[in-house]
Amino acid sequence: MVSPGYGIGHTDYSFIASALADQGYLTVAIQHELPSDPPLPTRGDLFAARTPAWRRGAQNLRFVHDTLQRSYPGFAWDRLVLIGHSNGGDIAAWLARESPGFASTLITLDNRRMPLPRSAPPRVLSIRAGDFAADAGVLPHKQTLAASGSCIIKIDDARHNDMHDGGPAALRDAIVQDISHFLGQGECGNGGAPDAGS
């Protein structure tokens, strides 16, 4: 289940969806914002201000999961993978922290506000761009990463707003490679070197 960044269309992550479909995953991209929704807050206490949007996003993910599980019972729903970019990553992280057994794996592309889960399940891969830092407490310490089998990978020359179909081909390829390696081998990609948080 792929959750887009704020203001980016749910169809703008086809490079991830296609790569996962080639590996046998049922991939669904979810548009969380509607034209009638109020703008996402950009000032003040962003964690508190955005929490209602993250809760709605988590409800969307639950609804899609429950609907698809009934329609496609042959898929391994106990190995669900949540993927989200930016605010979509915050939504996915909210749900993973709220309901640790909902997904076996959480993959975020540069989420910046919602702290990532500190214990498995789910296992976490967070791919970080180099132009913005996450808020304090979002990224786990190295010791926590090792204990939970999770990874933080920083791509220094990546930009936060390029982590979708419109970004450079080399960045899209690096993201797919890291995701595929993590899902296939269960290890960090990018040389296996995790980048610690606070």
C-alpha atoms as a PDB file:
ATOM      1  CA  MET A   1       0.000   0.000   0.000  1.00  0.00           C
ATOM      2  CA  VAL A   2       1.596   3.238  -1.203  1.00  0.00           C
ATOM      3  CA  SER A   3       0.718   6.628   0.351  1.00  0.00           C
ATOM      4  CA  PRO A   4       1.872   9.684  -1.637  1.00  0.00           C
ATOM      5  CA  GLY A   5       3.476  12.840  -0.361  1.00  0.00           C
ATOM      6  CA  TYR A   6       1.208  15.816   0.214  1.00  0.00           C
ATOM      7  CA  GLY A   7       0.243  17.463  -3.066  1.00  0.00           C
ATOM      8  CA  ILE A   8       1.580  14.575  -5.145  1.00  0.00           C
ATOM      9  CA  GLY A   9      -0.809  12.269  -6.975  1.00  0.00           C
ATOM     10  CA  HIS A  10      -1.235   8.654  -5.949  1.00  0.00           C
ATOM     11  CA  THR A  11      -0.300   7.630  -9.516  1.00  0.00           C
ATOM     12  CA  ASP A  12       3.107   9.372  -9.274  1.00  0.00           C
ATOM     13  CA  TYR A  13       4.886   6.423  -7.647  1.00  0.00           C
ATOM     14  CA  SER A  14       4.616   3.997 -10.550  1.00  0.00           C
ATOM     15  CA  PHE A  15       8.356   3.267 -10.397  1.00  0.00           C
ATOM     16  CA  ILE A  16       7.793   1.621  -7.004  1.00  0.00           C
ATOM     17  CA  ALA A  17       4.449   0.040  -7.898  1.00  0.00           C
ATOM     18  CA  SER A  18       5.850  -1.500 -11.094  1.00  0.00           C
ATOM     19  CA  ALA A  19       8.950  -2.871  -9.365  1.00  0.00           C
ATOM     20  CA  LEU A  20       6.867  -4.474  -6.612  1.00  0.00           C
ATOM     21  CA  ALA A  21       4.312  -5.856  -9.083  1.00  0.00           C
ATOM     22  CA  ASP A  22       7.204  -7.494 -10.968  1.00  0.00           C
ATOM     23  CA  GLN A  23       8.105  -9.229  -7.687  1.00  0.00           C
ATOM     24  CA  GLY A  24       4.565 -10.549  -7.200  1.00  0.00           C
ATOM     25  CA  TYR A  25       3.171  -7.896  -4.861  1.00  0.00           C
ATOM     26  CA  LEU A  26      -0.392  -6.618  -5.144  1.00  0.00           C
ATOM     27  CA  THR A  27       0.311  -2.886  -5.117  1.00  0.00           C
ATOM     28  CA  VAL A  28      -2.306  -0.261  -4.315  1.00  0.00           C
ATOM     29  CA  ALA A  29      -1.730   3.509  -4.284  1.00  0.00           C
ATOM     30  CA  ILE A  30      -4.087   5.582  -2.154  1.00  0.00           C
ATOM     31  CA  GLN A  31      -5.023   9.247  -2.648  1.00  0.00           C
ATOM     32  CA  HIS A  32      -5.523  10.569   0.870  1.00  0.00           C
ATOM     33  CA  GLU A  33      -6.359  14.218   0.091  1.00  0.00           C
ATOM     34  CA  LEU A  34      -9.530  15.343  -1.634  1.00  0.00           C
ATOM     35  CA  PRO A  35      -9.980  18.755  -3.306  1.00  0.00           C
ATOM     36  CA  SER A  36     -12.488  19.660  -0.573  1.00  0.00           C
ATOM     37  CA  ASP A  37     -10.013  18.990   2.265  1.00  0.00           C
ATOM     38  CA  PRO A  38      -8.473  21.954   4.109  1.00  0.00           C
ATOM     39  CA  PRO A  39      -4.773  22.568   3.371  1.00  0.00           C
ATOM     40  CA  LEU A  40      -2.260  20.662   5.479  1.00  0.00           C
ATOM     41  CA  PRO A  41      -0.974  22.988   8.236  1.00  0.00           C
ATOM     42  CA  THR A  42       2.516  24.390   7.670  1.00  0.00           C
ATOM     43  CA  ARG A  43       2.956  26.518  10.823  1.00  0.00           C
ATOM     44  CA  GLY A  44       2.930  26.040  14.556  1.00  0.00           C
ATOM     45  CA  ASP A  45       3.110  22.645  16.251  1.00  0.00           C
ATOM     46  CA  LEU A  46       3.002  20.531  13.085  1.00  0.00           C
ATOM     47  CA  PHE A  47       2.757  17.248  14.970  1.00  0.00           C
ATOM     48  CA  ALA A  48      -0.413  18.318  16.759  1.00  0.00           C
ATOM     49  CA  ALA A  49      -1.825  20.159  13.743  1.00  0.00           C
ATOM     50  CA  ARG A  50      -1.343  17.237  11.355  1.00  0.00           C
ATOM     51  CA  THR A  51      -2.489  14.459  13.691  1.00  0.00           C
ATOM     52  CA  PRO A  52      -6.131  14.602  12.467  1.00  0.00           C
ATOM     53  CA  ALA A  53      -4.938  14.141   8.859  1.00  0.00           C
ATOM     54  CA  TRP A  54      -2.742  11.196   9.883  1.00  0.00           C
ATOM     55  CA  ARG A  55      -5.675   9.592  11.701  1.00  0.00           C
ATOM     56  CA  ARG A  56      -7.888   9.981   8.601  1.00  0.00           C
ATOM     57  CA  GLY A  57      -5.101   8.541   6.470  1.00  0.00           C
ATOM     58  CA  ALA A  58      -4.785   5.545   8.797  1.00  0.00           C
ATOM     59  CA  GLN A  59      -8.549   4.996   8.490  1.00  0.00           C
ATOM     60  CA  ASN A  60      -8.183   5.076   4.697  1.00  0.00           C
ATOM     61  CA  LEU A  61      -5.470   2.430   4.845  1.00  0.00           C
ATOM     62  CA  ARG A  62      -7.550   0.201   7.120  1.00  0.00           C
ATOM     63  CA  PHE A  63     -10.586   0.516   4.840  1.00  0.00           C
ATOM     64  CA  VAL A  64      -8.595  -0.344   1.702  1.00  0.00           C
ATOM     65  CA  HIS A  65      -6.902  -3.250   3.473  1.00  0.00           C
ATOM     66  CA  ASP A  66     -10.193  -4.716   4.720  1.00  0.00           C
ATOM     67  CA  THR A  67     -11.883  -4.292   1.327  1.00  0.00           C
ATOM     68  CA  LEU A  68      -9.027  -5.831  -0.657  1.00  0.00           C
ATOM     69  CA  GLN A  69      -8.549  -8.680   1.792  1.00  0.00           C
ATOM     70  CA  ARG A  70     -12.122  -9.754   1.115  1.00  0.00           C
ATOM     71  CA  SER A  71     -11.723  -9.351  -2.665  1.00  0.00           C
ATOM     72  CA  TYR A  72      -8.258 -10.955  -2.932  1.00  0.00           C
ATOM     73  CA  PRO A  73      -8.004 -13.562  -0.170  1.00  0.00           C
ATOM     74  CA  GLY A  74      -5.154 -15.392  -1.940  1.00  0.00           C
ATOM     75  CA  PHE A  75      -2.567 -12.727  -1.111  1.00  0.00           C
ATOM     76  CA  ALA A  76      -0.390 -12.949   2.010  1.00  0.00           C
ATOM     77  CA  TRP A  77      -2.098 -10.234   4.051  1.00  0.00           C
ATOM     78  CA  ASP A  78       0.035 -11.144   7.069  1.00  0.00           C
ATOM     79  CA  ARG A  79       3.032  -9.777   5.115  1.00  0.00           C
ATOM     80  CA  LEU A  80       1.549  -6.394   4.294  1.00  0.00           C
ATOM     81  CA  VAL A  81       4.026  -3.656   3.323  1.00  0.00           C
ATOM     82  CA  LEU A  82       3.166  -0.004   3.997  1.00  0.00           C
ATOM     83  CA  ILE A  83       5.083   2.537   1.892  1.00  0.00           C
ATOM     84  CA  GLY A  84       4.775   6.298   2.187  1.00  0.00           C
ATOM     85  CA  HIS A  85       6.578   9.416   1.010  1.00  0.00           C
ATOM     86  CA  SER A  86       6.787  12.519   3.204  1.00  0.00           C
ATOM     87  CA  ASN A  87       3.317  13.084   4.725  1.00  0.00           C
ATOM     88  CA  GLY A  88       2.282   9.696   3.302  1.00  0.00           C
ATOM     89  CA  GLY A  89       5.167   8.203   5.278  1.00  0.00           C
ATOM     90  CA  ASP A  90       3.927   9.974   8.391  1.00  0.00           C
ATOM     91  CA  ILE A  91       0.471   8.440   7.809  1.00  0.00           C
ATOM     92  CA  ALA A  92       1.969   4.965   7.387  1.00  0.00           C
ATOM     93  CA  ALA A  93       4.173   5.417  10.480  1.00  0.00           C
ATOM     94  CA  TRP A  94       1.148   6.589  12.496  1.00  0.00           C
ATOM     95  CA  LEU A  95      -0.744   3.424  11.608  1.00  0.00           C
ATOM     96  CA  ALA A  96       2.276   1.188  12.234  1.00  0.00           C
ATOM     97  CA  ARG A  97       2.762   2.667  15.700  1.00  0.00           C
ATOM     98  CA  GLU A  98      -0.951   2.619  16.491  1.00  0.00           C
ATOM     99  CA  SER A  99      -1.381  -1.012  15.340  1.00  0.00           C
ATOM    100  CA  PRO A 100       2.010  -2.793  15.330  1.00  0.00           C
ATOM    101  CA  GLY A 101       0.590  -6.015  13.863  1.00  0.00           C
ATOM    102  CA  PHE A 102      -1.156  -4.324  10.935  1.00  0.00           C
ATOM    103  CA  ALA A 103       1.858  -4.569   8.613  1.00  0.00           C
ATOM    104  CA  SER A 104       5.008  -6.670   8.649  1.00  0.00           C
ATOM    105  CA  THR A 105       7.072  -3.943   6.956  1.00  0.00           C
ATOM    106  CA  LEU A 106       7.039  -0.134   6.923  1.00  0.00           C
ATOM    107  CA  ILE A 107       8.996   1.749   4.256  1.00  0.00           C
ATOM    108  CA  THR A 108       9.153   5.528   4.357  1.00  0.00           C
ATOM    109  CA  LEU A 109      10.648   7.954   1.882  1.00  0.00           C
ATOM    110  CA  ASP A 110      11.802  10.920   3.939  1.00  0.00           C
ATOM    111  CA  ASN A 111       8.889  11.200   6.370  1.00  0.00           C
ATOM    112  CA  ARG A 112       9.756  14.073   8.689  1.00  0.00           C
ATOM    113  CA  ARG A 113       7.222  14.409  11.531  1.00  0.00           C
ATOM    114  CA  MET A 114       5.893  11.070  12.835  1.00  0.00           C
ATOM    115  CA  PRO A 115       8.372   8.983  14.868  1.00  0.00           C
ATOM    116  CA  LEU A 116       9.124   5.620  13.315  1.00  0.00           C
ATOM    117  CA  PRO A 117       8.305   2.448  15.292  1.00  0.00           C
ATOM    118  CA  ARG A 118      11.119   1.378  17.619  1.00  0.00           C
ATOM    119  CA  SER A 119      10.379  -2.364  17.755  1.00  0.00           C
ATOM    120  CA  ALA A 120       9.285  -5.032  15.308  1.00  0.00           C
ATOM    121  CA  PRO A 121       6.773  -5.623  13.965  1.00  0.00           C
ATOM    122  CA  PRO A 122       6.945  -3.883  11.675  1.00  0.00           C
ATOM    123  CA  ARG A 123      10.490  -3.918  10.375  1.00  0.00           C
ATOM    124  CA  VAL A 124      11.318  -0.442   9.103  1.00  0.00           C
ATOM    125  CA  LEU A 125      13.271   0.872   6.138  1.00  0.00           C
ATOM    126  CA  SER A 126      13.450   4.645   5.900  1.00  0.00           C
ATOM    127  CA  ILE A 127      15.183   6.158   2.883  1.00  0.00           C
ATOM    128  CA  ARG A 128      16.287   9.698   3.637  1.00  0.00           C
ATOM    129  CA  ALA A 129      16.983  12.604   1.285  1.00  0.00           C
ATOM    130  CA  GLY A 130      19.810  15.013   1.990  1.00  0.00           C
ATOM    131  CA  ASP A 131      18.127  18.423   1.880  1.00  0.00           C
ATOM    132  CA  PHE A 132      15.882  18.354   4.993  1.00  0.00           C
ATOM    133  CA  ALA A 133      16.355  16.860   8.445  1.00  0.00           C
ATOM    134  CA  ALA A 134      13.642  14.899  10.221  1.00  0.00           C
ATOM    135  CA  ASP A 135      12.184  16.386  13.384  1.00  0.00           C
ATOM    136  CA  ALA A 136      13.813  15.368  16.658  1.00  0.00           C
ATOM    137  CA  GLY A 137      12.774  11.874  17.730  1.00  0.00           C
ATOM    138  CA  VAL A 138      11.556  10.705  14.309  1.00  0.00           C
ATOM    139  CA  LEU A 139      14.524   8.428  13.567  1.00  0.00           C
ATOM    140  CA  PRO A 140      15.604   5.621  15.934  1.00  0.00           C
ATOM    141  CA  HIS A 141      19.117   5.260  17.403  1.00  0.00           C
ATOM    142  CA  LYS A 142      21.542   2.781  15.820  1.00  0.00           C
ATOM    143  CA  GLN A 143      21.108   0.322  18.706  1.00  0.00           C
ATOM    144  CA  THR A 144      17.330   0.327  18.232  1.00  0.00           C
ATOM    145  CA  LEU A 145      17.725  -0.222  14.491  1.00  0.00           C
ATOM    146  CA  ALA A 146      19.972  -3.236  15.008  1.00  0.00           C
ATOM    147  CA  ALA A 147      17.671  -4.804  17.606  1.00  0.00           C
ATOM    148  CA  SER A 148      14.575  -4.504  15.399  1.00  0.00           C
ATOM    149  CA  GLY A 149      16.165  -5.448  12.064  1.00  0.00           C
ATOM    150  CA  SER A 150      15.373  -1.998  10.688  1.00  0.00           C
ATOM    151  CA  CYS A 151      17.411   0.353   8.493  1.00  0.00           C
ATOM    152  CA  ILE A 152      17.838   4.058   7.866  1.00  0.00           C
ATOM    153  CA  ILE A 153      19.547   4.819   4.543  1.00  0.00           C
ATOM    154  CA  LYS A 154      20.533   8.343   3.546  1.00  0.00           C
ATOM    155  CA  ILE A 155      20.994   9.269  -0.098  1.00  0.00           C
ATOM    156  CA  ASP A 156      23.019  12.473   0.287  1.00  0.00           C
ATOM    157  CA  ASP A 157      22.330  14.026  -3.115  1.00  0.00           C
ATOM    158  CA  ALA A 158      18.608  13.140  -3.084  1.00  0.00           C
ATOM    159  CA  ARG A 159      16.027  15.891  -2.676  1.00  0.00           C
ATOM    160  CA  HIS A 160      12.870  15.415  -0.631  1.00  0.00           C
ATOM    161  CA  ASN A 161      10.568  16.635  -3.412  1.00  0.00           C
ATOM    162  CA  ASP A 162      12.165  14.345  -6.038  1.00  0.00           C
ATOM    163  CA  MET A 163      11.222  11.003  -4.464  1.00  0.00           C
ATOM    164  CA  HIS A 164       8.459  10.222  -6.987  1.00  0.00           C
ATOM    165  CA  ASP A 165       8.087   9.551 -10.720  1.00  0.00           C
ATOM    166  CA  GLY A 166       9.163  13.111 -11.565  1.00  0.00           C
ATOM    167  CA  GLY A 167      12.542  12.741  -9.834  1.00  0.00           C
ATOM    168  CA  PRO A 168      15.833  11.785 -11.501  1.00  0.00           C
ATOM    169  CA  ALA A 169      16.064   8.258 -12.917  1.00  0.00           C
ATOM    170  CA  ALA A 170      19.178   7.524 -10.829  1.00  0.00           C
ATOM    171  CA  LEU A 171      17.293   8.380  -7.635  1.00  0.00           C
ATOM    172  CA  ARG A 172      14.293   6.258  -8.621  1.00  0.00           C
ATOM    173  CA  ASP A 173      16.651   3.355  -9.384  1.00  0.00           C
ATOM    174  CA  ALA A 174      18.431   3.730  -6.028  1.00  0.00           C
ATOM    175  CA  ILE A 175      15.126   3.770  -4.125  1.00  0.00           C
ATOM    176  CA  VAL A 176      13.851   0.659  -5.912  1.00  0.00           C
ATOM    177  CA  GLN A 177      17.165  -1.114  -5.326  1.00  0.00           C
ATOM    178  CA  ASP A 178      17.093  -0.349  -1.592  1.00  0.00           C
ATOM    179  CA  ILE A 179      13.436  -1.391  -1.259  1.00  0.00           C
ATOM    180  CA  SER A 180      13.948  -4.615  -3.230  1.00  0.00           C
ATOM    181  CA  HIS A 181      17.054  -5.535  -1.235  1.00  0.00           C
ATOM    182  CA  PHE A 182      15.321  -4.893   2.080  1.00  0.00           C
ATOM    183  CA  LEU A 183      12.240  -6.918   1.119  1.00  0.00           C
ATOM    184  CA  GLY A 184      14.213  -9.709  -0.555  1.00  0.00           C
ATOM    185  CA  GLN A 185      17.284 -10.095   1.649  1.00  0.00           C
ATOM    186  CA  GLY A 186      15.979  -8.481   4.828  1.00  0.00           C
ATOM    187  CA  GLU A 187      19.051  -6.260   5.004  1.00  0.00           C
ATOM    188  CA  CYS A 188      19.983  -2.633   4.490  1.00  0.00           C
ATOM    189  CA  GLY A 189      20.934  -1.770   0.949  1.00  0.00           C
ATOM    190  CA  ASN A 190      23.279   1.075  -0.035  1.00  0.00           C
ATOM    191  CA  GLY A 191      26.320  -0.765   1.248  1.00  0.00           C
ATOM    192  CA  GLY A 192      24.507  -1.958   4.376  1.00  0.00           C
ATOM    193  CA  ALA A 193      25.361   1.173   6.333  1.00  0.00           C
ATOM    194  CA  PRO A 194      22.460   2.496   8.425  1.00  0.00           C
ATOM    195  CA  ASP A 195      22.293   6.203   9.217  1.00  0.00           C
ATOM    196  CA  ALA A 196      21.395   6.795  12.860  1.00  0.00           C
ATOM    197  CA  GLY A 197      18.765   9.161  14.114  1.00  0.00           C
ATOM    198  CA  SER A 198      18.190  10.863  17.425  1.00  0.00           C
END
